Amino acid sequence: MSVITDNFKHLAQEKKIQFKTKDIEAPIRKKDGEEVKQQQIVFQTALRVNQNKAVACGVIIHDADVPRANYQITYNKIGYVTDRNRLPEIVTELNEINAMRSGYYRFVISGDGEIIMRHLGITGEDVKPMMDVFVFGGRILNALLPELEKIEGLDLTQRKN
């Protein structure tokens, strides 16, 4: 692990956040066309947003000995699009929430209709700001669930799968 991922792991332990970790090797193509393997570390956990809702969430950090690394924070399975005919209206309403209410997070719809909240960023060896973004993301999601519930064509109930 790199210094950045080690620091994140230690900070999570200090904050008593339990993550499962997984290494992912992903091929990327450089500007000259050469393909190299990029190492990423995935930190996965679950968050109870409120009494009725838990979501899978995680942090993916580019794992390399570099002074700065890319990362992504995601909150998954927030809900699902149930009416694909309303997709343009749903996207418009989500974009309004993105523009006005979600701060540094963005709500997106995956190919299978899953609603995801995510943040992309760059961090250095001081990972505390990244951890703060992760922790506050749960609060942002909790605050915005009532807004999401108003969107016709979305199902935010807890699914067992």
N, C-alpha and C. Protein backbone atom coordinates (compact mmCIF):
# COMPACT_ATOMS: atom_id res chain seq x y z
N MET A 1 0.83 -1.19 0.00
CA MET A 1 0.00 0.00 0.00
C MET A 1 0.88 1.25 0.00
N SER A 2 0.34 2.31 -0.56
CA SER A 2 1.06 3.57 -0.59
C SER A 2 0.86 4.32 0.73
N VAL A 3 1.58 5.40 0.89
CA VAL A 3 1.44 6.23 2.09
C VAL A 3 0.01 6.73 2.21
N ILE A 4 -0.57 7.14 1.09
CA ILE A 4 -1.94 7.70 1.11
C ILE A 4 -2.93 6.64 1.57
N THR A 5 -2.89 5.45 1.01
CA THR A 5 -3.84 4.42 1.42
C THR A 5 -3.57 3.95 2.84
N ASP A 6 -2.31 3.89 3.24
CA ASP A 6 -1.99 3.55 4.64
C ASP A 6 -2.57 4.59 5.60
N ASN A 7 -2.39 5.86 5.27
CA ASN A 7 -2.92 6.93 6.12
C ASN A 7 -4.44 6.86 6.22
N PHE A 8 -5.09 6.56 5.09
CA PHE A 8 -6.56 6.45 5.11
C PHE A 8 -6.99 5.27 5.98
N LYS A 9 -6.31 4.16 5.85
CA LYS A 9 -6.63 2.97 6.65
C LYS A 9 -6.48 3.26 8.14
N HIS A 10 -5.39 3.93 8.52
CA HIS A 10 -5.16 4.25 9.93
C HIS A 10 -6.18 5.26 10.46
N LEU A 11 -6.53 6.24 9.66
CA LEU A 11 -7.53 7.23 10.08
C LEU A 11 -8.90 6.56 10.25
N ALA A 12 -9.24 5.64 9.37
CA ALA A 12 -10.50 4.91 9.51
C ALA A 12 -10.52 4.12 10.81
N GLN A 13 -9.40 3.49 11.16
CA GLN A 13 -9.32 2.75 12.42
C GLN A 13 -9.48 3.68 13.61
N GLU A 14 -8.85 4.85 13.56
CA GLU A 14 -9.00 5.83 14.64
C GLU A 14 -10.44 6.26 14.81
N LYS A 15 -11.15 6.43 13.69
CA LYS A 15 -12.55 6.87 13.72
C LYS A 15 -13.51 5.70 13.92
N LYS A 16 -12.95 4.49 14.05
CA LYS A 16 -13.73 3.28 14.25
C LYS A 16 -14.71 3.01 13.11
N ILE A 17 -14.25 3.29 11.89
CA ILE A 17 -15.01 2.96 10.69
C ILE A 17 -14.42 1.67 10.15
N GLN A 18 -15.25 0.65 10.06
CA GLN A 18 -14.78 -0.66 9.60
C GLN A 18 -14.98 -0.79 8.10
N PHE A 19 -13.88 -0.97 7.42
CA PHE A 19 -13.90 -1.17 5.97
C PHE A 19 -13.39 -2.57 5.65
N LYS A 20 -13.98 -3.18 4.64
CA LYS A 20 -13.37 -4.34 4.00
C LYS A 20 -12.53 -3.76 2.87
N THR A 21 -11.35 -4.31 2.67
CA THR A 21 -10.51 -3.78 1.60
C THR A 21 -10.29 -4.83 0.52
N LYS A 22 -10.11 -4.32 -0.68
CA LYS A 22 -9.88 -5.20 -1.82
C LYS A 22 -8.95 -4.47 -2.78
N ASP A 23 -7.97 -5.19 -3.30
CA ASP A 23 -7.07 -4.63 -4.31
C ASP A 23 -7.65 -4.91 -5.69
N ILE A 24 -7.61 -3.91 -6.54
CA ILE A 24 -8.08 -4.06 -7.91
C ILE A 24 -6.95 -3.60 -8.83
N GLU A 25 -6.66 -4.41 -9.81
CA GLU A 25 -5.66 -4.06 -10.81
C GLU A 25 -6.41 -3.77 -12.10
N ALA A 26 -6.32 -2.53 -12.56
CA ALA A 26 -7.05 -2.13 -13.75
C ALA A 26 -6.07 -1.65 -14.82
N PRO A 27 -6.19 -2.17 -16.04
CA PRO A 27 -5.30 -1.69 -17.10
C PRO A 27 -5.75 -0.31 -17.59
N ILE A 28 -4.79 0.57 -17.80
CA ILE A 28 -5.08 1.87 -18.39
C ILE A 28 -4.13 2.08 -19.56
N ARG A 29 -4.53 2.94 -20.46
CA ARG A 29 -3.72 3.20 -21.64
C ARG A 29 -3.13 4.61 -21.53
N LYS A 30 -1.81 4.70 -21.67
CA LYS A 30 -1.12 5.98 -21.63
C LYS A 30 -1.32 6.73 -22.95
N LYS A 31 -0.90 7.99 -22.98
CA LYS A 31 -1.06 8.81 -24.19
C LYS A 31 -0.39 8.18 -25.41
N ASP A 32 0.74 7.51 -25.19
CA ASP A 32 1.46 6.90 -26.30
C ASP A 32 0.88 5.55 -26.72
N GLY A 33 -0.21 5.12 -26.06
CA GLY A 33 -0.86 3.86 -26.40
C GLY A 33 -0.40 2.68 -25.58
N GLU A 34 0.67 2.87 -24.79
CA GLU A 34 1.17 1.78 -23.96
C GLU A 34 0.15 1.48 -22.85
N GLU A 35 -0.08 0.19 -22.63
CA GLU A 35 -1.01 -0.22 -21.57
C GLU A 35 -0.22 -0.57 -20.31
N VAL A 36 -0.61 0.03 -19.20
CA VAL A 36 0.03 -0.25 -17.91
C VAL A 36 -1.05 -0.63 -16.91
N LYS A 37 -0.65 -1.32 -15.86
CA LYS A 37 -1.61 -1.72 -14.83
C LYS A 37 -1.64 -0.68 -13.73
N GLN A 38 -2.84 -0.29 -13.36
CA GLN A 38 -3.04 0.69 -12.29
C GLN A 38 -3.60 -0.03 -11.08
N GLN A 39 -3.00 0.17 -9.94
CA GLN A 39 -3.45 -0.47 -8.71
C GLN A 39 -4.41 0.46 -7.99
N GLN A 40 -5.56 -0.08 -7.56
CA GLN A 40 -6.52 0.66 -6.77
C GLN A 40 -6.86 -0.16 -5.53
N ILE A 41 -7.14 0.54 -4.44
CA ILE A 41 -7.59 -0.10 -3.22
C ILE A 41 -9.03 0.34 -3.00
N VAL A 42 -9.92 -0.63 -2.79
CA VAL A 42 -11.32 -0.35 -2.54
C VAL A 42 -11.59 -0.58 -1.06
N PHE A 43 -12.11 0.45 -0.40
CA PHE A 43 -12.53 0.36 1.00
C PHE A 43 -14.06 0.34 0.98
N GLN A 44 -14.66 -0.79 1.42
CA GLN A 44 -16.11 -0.95 1.35
C GLN A 44 -16.71 -1.04 2.75
N THR A 45 -17.89 -0.44 2.91
CA THR A 45 -18.62 -0.53 4.16
C THR A 45 -20.10 -0.29 3.86
N ALA A 46 -20.90 -0.24 4.89
CA ALA A 46 -22.32 0.08 4.75
C ALA A 46 -22.63 1.20 5.72
N LEU A 47 -23.61 2.00 5.37
CA LEU A 47 -24.00 3.14 6.19
C LEU A 47 -25.50 3.08 6.43
N ARG A 48 -25.88 3.16 7.67
CA ARG A 48 -27.30 3.28 8.00
C ARG A 48 -27.63 4.75 7.93
N VAL A 49 -28.36 5.14 6.89
CA VAL A 49 -28.69 6.54 6.66
C VAL A 49 -29.77 7.00 7.63
N ASN A 50 -30.78 6.16 7.83
CA ASN A 50 -31.82 6.43 8.81
C ASN A 50 -32.37 5.08 9.29
N GLN A 51 -33.45 5.08 10.04
CA GLN A 51 -33.98 3.82 10.60
C GLN A 51 -34.38 2.83 9.52
N ASN A 52 -34.80 3.31 8.37
CA ASN A 52 -35.33 2.43 7.34
C ASN A 52 -34.38 2.17 6.18
N LYS A 53 -33.24 2.83 6.15
CA LYS A 53 -32.41 2.74 4.96
C LYS A 53 -30.94 2.59 5.29
N ALA A 54 -30.34 1.58 4.67
CA ALA A 54 -28.89 1.39 4.71
C ALA A 54 -28.40 1.34 3.26
N VAL A 55 -27.22 1.86 3.03
CA VAL A 55 -26.66 1.84 1.69
C VAL A 55 -25.23 1.32 1.75
N ALA A 56 -24.83 0.67 0.67
CA ALA A 56 -23.43 0.26 0.53
C ALA A 56 -22.65 1.49 0.11
N CYS A 57 -21.47 1.64 0.68
CA CYS A 57 -20.66 2.79 0.30
C CYS A 57 -19.19 2.38 0.29
N GLY A 58 -18.41 3.18 -0.39
CA GLY A 58 -17.01 2.83 -0.47
C GLY A 58 -16.15 3.97 -0.96
N VAL A 59 -14.85 3.78 -0.77
CA VAL A 59 -13.85 4.72 -1.22
C VAL A 59 -12.85 3.94 -2.06
N ILE A 60 -12.58 4.42 -3.25
CA ILE A 60 -11.58 3.81 -4.13
C ILE A 60 -10.43 4.81 -4.24
N ILE A 61 -9.23 4.33 -3.94
CA ILE A 61 -8.06 5.21 -3.99
C ILE A 61 -7.04 4.61 -4.96
N HIS A 62 -6.55 5.44 -5.86
CA HIS A 62 -5.45 5.05 -6.74
C HIS A 62 -4.26 4.79 -5.84
N ASP A 63 -3.70 3.60 -5.91
CA ASP A 63 -2.64 3.19 -5.00
C ASP A 63 -1.29 3.21 -5.70
N ALA A 64 -0.57 4.31 -5.54
CA ALA A 64 0.76 4.43 -6.13
C ALA A 64 1.58 5.36 -5.25
N ASP A 65 2.88 5.20 -5.31
CA ASP A 65 3.76 6.08 -4.54
C ASP A 65 3.92 7.41 -5.29
N VAL A 66 2.89 8.22 -5.17
CA VAL A 66 2.86 9.54 -5.78
C VAL A 66 2.43 10.55 -4.72
N PRO A 67 2.75 11.83 -4.90
CA PRO A 67 2.38 12.81 -3.88
C PRO A 67 0.87 13.08 -3.81
N ARG A 68 0.17 12.86 -4.90
CA ARG A 68 -1.28 13.06 -4.95
C ARG A 68 -1.91 11.87 -5.68
N ALA A 69 -3.11 11.49 -5.23
CA ALA A 69 -3.78 10.35 -5.85
C ALA A 69 -5.26 10.67 -6.06
N ASN A 70 -5.82 10.12 -7.12
CA ASN A 70 -7.25 10.24 -7.39
C ASN A 70 -8.01 9.33 -6.44
N TYR A 71 -9.23 9.75 -6.08
CA TYR A 71 -10.10 8.88 -5.30
C TYR A 71 -11.54 9.11 -5.73
N GLN A 72 -12.37 8.14 -5.39
CA GLN A 72 -13.80 8.22 -5.65
C GLN A 72 -14.54 7.70 -4.43
N ILE A 73 -15.56 8.43 -4.01
CA ILE A 73 -16.43 7.99 -2.91
C ILE A 73 -17.81 7.75 -3.50
N THR A 74 -18.40 6.60 -3.20
CA THR A 74 -19.74 6.29 -3.72
C THR A 74 -20.65 5.77 -2.62
N TYR A 75 -21.91 6.14 -2.74
CA TYR A 75 -22.99 5.58 -1.92
C TYR A 75 -23.92 4.91 -2.92
N ASN A 76 -24.06 3.59 -2.82
CA ASN A 76 -24.76 2.80 -3.82
C ASN A 76 -26.13 2.35 -3.33
N LYS A 77 -26.94 1.92 -4.27
CA LYS A 77 -28.27 1.35 -3.99
C LYS A 77 -29.14 2.29 -3.17
N ILE A 78 -29.06 3.58 -3.49
CA ILE A 78 -29.91 4.57 -2.83
C ILE A 78 -31.35 4.35 -3.26
N GLY A 79 -31.52 4.01 -4.50
CA GLY A 79 -32.84 3.76 -5.06
C GLY A 79 -32.70 3.31 -6.50
N TYR A 80 -33.85 3.12 -7.13
CA TYR A 80 -33.87 2.65 -8.51
C TYR A 80 -34.93 3.39 -9.31
N VAL A 81 -34.65 3.60 -10.59
CA VAL A 81 -35.63 4.15 -11.51
C VAL A 81 -36.63 3.04 -11.81
N THR A 82 -37.89 3.30 -11.54
CA THR A 82 -38.93 2.30 -11.80
C THR A 82 -39.75 2.62 -13.04
N ASP A 83 -39.66 3.84 -13.51
CA ASP A 83 -40.42 4.24 -14.69
C ASP A 83 -39.45 4.88 -15.69
N ARG A 84 -38.94 4.05 -16.61
CA ARG A 84 -37.96 4.54 -17.59
C ARG A 84 -38.56 5.58 -18.53
N ASN A 85 -39.88 5.61 -18.66
CA ASN A 85 -40.52 6.62 -19.49
C ASN A 85 -40.33 8.02 -18.90
N ARG A 86 -40.13 8.09 -17.60
CA ARG A 86 -39.92 9.37 -16.92
C ARG A 86 -38.44 9.73 -16.77
N LEU A 87 -37.57 8.97 -17.39
CA LEU A 87 -36.13 9.18 -17.21
C LEU A 87 -35.68 10.62 -17.49
N PRO A 88 -36.14 11.26 -18.56
CA PRO A 88 -35.71 12.66 -18.77
C PRO A 88 -36.10 13.58 -17.61
N GLU A 89 -37.31 13.41 -17.10
CA GLU A 89 -37.76 14.24 -15.98
C GLU A 89 -36.97 13.92 -14.70
N ILE A 90 -36.69 12.62 -14.49
CA ILE A 90 -35.92 12.20 -13.31
C ILE A 90 -34.51 12.79 -13.37
N VAL A 91 -33.88 12.72 -14.54
CA VAL A 91 -32.54 13.28 -14.70
C VAL A 91 -32.56 14.79 -14.45
N THR A 92 -33.57 15.47 -14.96
CA THR A 92 -33.68 16.92 -14.75
C THR A 92 -33.81 17.23 -13.26
N GLU A 93 -34.65 16.48 -12.55
CA GLU A 93 -34.82 16.73 -11.11
C GLU A 93 -33.55 16.40 -10.32
N LEU A 94 -32.87 15.32 -10.69
CA LEU A 94 -31.60 15.00 -10.03
C LEU A 94 -30.55 16.09 -10.30
N ASN A 95 -30.53 16.60 -11.52
CA ASN A 95 -29.57 17.66 -11.84
C ASN A 95 -29.86 18.95 -11.07
N GLU A 96 -31.13 19.22 -10.80
CA GLU A 96 -31.47 20.38 -9.97
C GLU A 96 -30.96 20.19 -8.55
N ILE A 97 -31.11 18.97 -8.02
CA ILE A 97 -30.57 18.67 -6.69
C ILE A 97 -29.05 18.79 -6.73
N ASN A 98 -28.42 18.26 -7.78
CA ASN A 98 -26.97 18.35 -7.92
C ASN A 98 -26.49 19.81 -7.93
N ALA A 99 -27.22 20.65 -8.64
CA ALA A 99 -26.81 22.05 -8.79
C ALA A 99 -27.01 22.85 -7.51
N MET A 100 -28.03 22.53 -6.74
CA MET A 100 -28.41 23.39 -5.63
C MET A 100 -28.20 22.80 -4.24
N ARG A 101 -28.19 21.48 -4.11
CA ARG A 101 -28.29 20.92 -2.77
C ARG A 101 -27.23 19.90 -2.38
N SER A 102 -26.62 19.23 -3.32
CA SER A 102 -25.78 18.07 -2.97
C SER A 102 -24.32 18.42 -2.68
N GLY A 103 -23.96 19.69 -2.78
CA GLY A 103 -22.59 20.08 -2.46
C GLY A 103 -21.58 19.44 -3.38
N TYR A 104 -20.59 18.80 -2.81
CA TYR A 104 -19.52 18.20 -3.60
C TYR A 104 -19.86 16.80 -4.09
N TYR A 105 -21.07 16.33 -3.85
CA TYR A 105 -21.53 15.04 -4.35
C TYR A 105 -22.45 15.25 -5.54
N ARG A 106 -22.56 14.20 -6.37
CA ARG A 106 -23.46 14.21 -7.51
C ARG A 106 -24.26 12.93 -7.52
N PHE A 107 -25.56 13.06 -7.78
CA PHE A 107 -26.41 11.89 -7.97
C PHE A 107 -26.34 11.51 -9.43
N VAL A 108 -26.14 10.22 -9.69
CA VAL A 108 -26.09 9.71 -11.05
C VAL A 108 -26.96 8.46 -11.14
N ILE A 109 -27.34 8.11 -12.36
CA ILE A 109 -28.13 6.91 -12.61
C ILE A 109 -27.26 5.95 -13.40
N SER A 110 -27.07 4.74 -12.87
CA SER A 110 -26.28 3.75 -13.59
C SER A 110 -27.11 3.14 -14.71
N GLY A 111 -26.49 2.33 -15.52
CA GLY A 111 -27.16 1.72 -16.66
C GLY A 111 -28.36 0.87 -16.30
N ASP A 112 -28.35 0.25 -15.11
CA ASP A 112 -29.48 -0.57 -14.70
C ASP A 112 -30.53 0.21 -13.91
N GLY A 113 -30.36 1.54 -13.83
CA GLY A 113 -31.36 2.38 -13.16
C GLY A 113 -31.07 2.63 -11.69
N GLU A 114 -29.93 2.18 -11.21
CA GLU A 114 -29.58 2.40 -9.80
C GLU A 114 -29.18 3.86 -9.58
N ILE A 115 -29.66 4.44 -8.48
CA ILE A 115 -29.29 5.79 -8.10
C ILE A 115 -28.06 5.70 -7.20
N ILE A 116 -27.02 6.43 -7.59
CA ILE A 116 -25.75 6.44 -6.87
C ILE A 116 -25.40 7.90 -6.55
N MET A 117 -24.81 8.11 -5.39
CA MET A 117 -24.28 9.42 -5.06
C MET A 117 -22.76 9.28 -5.02
N ARG A 118 -22.04 10.14 -5.76
CA ARG A 118 -20.59 9.97 -5.80
C ARG A 118 -19.86 11.30 -5.80
N HIS A 119 -18.61 11.19 -5.41
CA HIS A 119 -17.70 12.34 -5.38
C HIS A 119 -16.36 11.88 -5.92
N LEU A 120 -15.76 12.69 -6.78
CA LEU A 120 -14.43 12.41 -7.31
C LEU A 120 -13.49 13.49 -6.81
N GLY A 121 -12.28 13.09 -6.42
CA GLY A 121 -11.35 14.08 -5.91
C GLY A 121 -9.91 13.63 -6.02
N ILE A 122 -9.04 14.50 -5.54
CA ILE A 122 -7.60 14.23 -5.49
C ILE A 122 -7.17 14.51 -4.06
N THR A 123 -6.33 13.62 -3.52
CA THR A 123 -5.85 13.78 -2.15
C THR A 123 -4.34 13.65 -2.11
N GLY A 124 -3.77 14.16 -1.04
CA GLY A 124 -2.35 13.98 -0.77
C GLY A 124 -2.21 13.08 0.45
N GLU A 125 -1.05 13.14 1.09
CA GLU A 125 -0.81 12.30 2.26
C GLU A 125 -1.69 12.66 3.44
N ASP A 126 -2.15 13.91 3.53
CA ASP A 126 -3.11 14.29 4.56
C ASP A 126 -4.50 13.90 4.07
N VAL A 127 -4.98 12.75 4.53
CA VAL A 127 -6.25 12.21 4.03
C VAL A 127 -7.45 12.65 4.87
N LYS A 128 -7.24 13.46 5.89
CA LYS A 128 -8.35 13.89 6.74
C LYS A 128 -9.45 14.60 5.94
N PRO A 129 -9.12 15.52 5.02
CA PRO A 129 -10.21 16.12 4.23
C PRO A 129 -11.02 15.09 3.43
N MET A 130 -10.35 14.08 2.89
CA MET A 130 -11.06 13.03 2.15
C MET A 130 -11.98 12.26 3.09
N MET A 131 -11.50 11.95 4.30
CA MET A 131 -12.33 11.25 5.28
C MET A 131 -13.52 12.11 5.68
N ASP A 132 -13.30 13.42 5.84
CA ASP A 132 -14.40 14.32 6.18
C ASP A 132 -15.46 14.32 5.08
N VAL A 133 -15.02 14.33 3.83
CA VAL A 133 -15.97 14.28 2.71
C VAL A 133 -16.78 12.99 2.77
N PHE A 134 -16.11 11.88 3.09
CA PHE A 134 -16.81 10.60 3.21
C PHE A 134 -17.84 10.63 4.33
N VAL A 135 -17.46 11.11 5.50
CA VAL A 135 -18.37 11.13 6.66
C VAL A 135 -19.55 12.07 6.41
N PHE A 136 -19.27 13.26 5.89
CA PHE A 136 -20.35 14.22 5.64
C PHE A 136 -21.26 13.76 4.50
N GLY A 137 -20.78 12.89 3.64
CA GLY A 137 -21.63 12.37 2.57
C GLY A 137 -22.86 11.66 3.11
N GLY A 138 -22.70 10.94 4.21
CA GLY A 138 -23.85 10.28 4.82
C GLY A 138 -24.87 11.28 5.32
N ARG A 139 -24.39 12.38 5.86
CA ARG A 139 -25.30 13.43 6.34
C ARG A 139 -26.00 14.11 5.18
N ILE A 140 -25.27 14.34 4.09
CA ILE A 140 -25.87 14.94 2.91
C ILE A 140 -26.96 14.02 2.35
N LEU A 141 -26.66 12.73 2.27
CA LEU A 141 -27.64 11.78 1.76
C LEU A 141 -28.88 11.76 2.64
N ASN A 142 -28.70 11.73 3.95
CA ASN A 142 -29.83 11.74 4.88
C ASN A 142 -30.68 12.99 4.69
N ALA A 143 -30.04 14.13 4.51
CA ALA A 143 -30.78 15.38 4.34
C ALA A 143 -31.53 15.43 3.02
N LEU A 144 -31.01 14.75 1.99
CA LEU A 144 -31.62 14.83 0.66
C LEU A 144 -32.60 13.71 0.36
N LEU A 145 -32.67 12.69 1.21
CA LEU A 145 -33.62 11.59 0.96
C LEU A 145 -35.06 12.10 0.80
N PRO A 146 -35.53 13.04 1.63
CA PRO A 146 -36.90 13.54 1.42
C PRO A 146 -37.10 14.17 0.04
N GLU A 147 -36.07 14.83 -0.48
CA GLU A 147 -36.16 15.41 -1.83
C GLU A 147 -36.25 14.31 -2.88
N LEU A 148 -35.45 13.26 -2.71
CA LEU A 148 -35.47 12.15 -3.66
C LEU A 148 -36.81 11.41 -3.62
N GLU A 149 -37.38 11.29 -2.43
CA GLU A 149 -38.66 10.59 -2.29
C GLU A 149 -39.78 11.29 -3.06
N LYS A 150 -39.65 12.58 -3.31
CA LYS A 150 -40.67 13.34 -4.03
C LYS A 150 -40.61 13.10 -5.55
N ILE A 151 -39.53 12.52 -6.02
CA ILE A 151 -39.36 12.33 -7.48
C ILE A 151 -40.17 11.12 -7.93
N GLU A 152 -41.14 11.39 -8.79
CA GLU A 152 -41.99 10.33 -9.32
C GLU A 152 -41.17 9.45 -10.26
N GLY A 153 -41.31 8.13 -10.10
CA GLY A 153 -40.57 7.19 -10.94
C GLY A 153 -39.34 6.62 -10.27
N LEU A 154 -39.10 6.98 -9.00
CA LEU A 154 -38.00 6.42 -8.24
C LEU A 154 -38.56 5.55 -7.11
N ASP A 155 -37.87 4.46 -6.81
CA ASP A 155 -38.19 3.59 -5.68
C ASP A 155 -36.99 3.64 -4.73
N LEU A 156 -37.20 4.19 -3.54
CA LEU A 156 -36.10 4.30 -2.56
C LEU A 156 -36.24 3.29 -1.44
N THR A 157 -37.17 2.35 -1.56
CA THR A 157 -37.31 1.36 -0.49
C THR A 157 -36.11 0.43 -0.47
N GLN A 158 -35.87 -0.12 0.69
CA GLN A 158 -34.72 -1.02 0.89
C GLN A 158 -34.98 -2.31 0.13
N ARG A 159 -34.01 -2.72 -0.67
CA ARG A 159 -34.12 -3.98 -1.40
C ARG A 159 -33.22 -5.01 -0.75
N LYS A 160 -33.60 -6.25 -0.85
CA LYS A 160 -32.84 -7.34 -0.22
C LYS A 160 -31.69 -7.84 -1.06
N ASN A 161 -31.65 -7.52 -2.36
CA ASN A 161 -30.59 -8.05 -3.22
C ASN A 161 -29.34 -7.21 -3.20
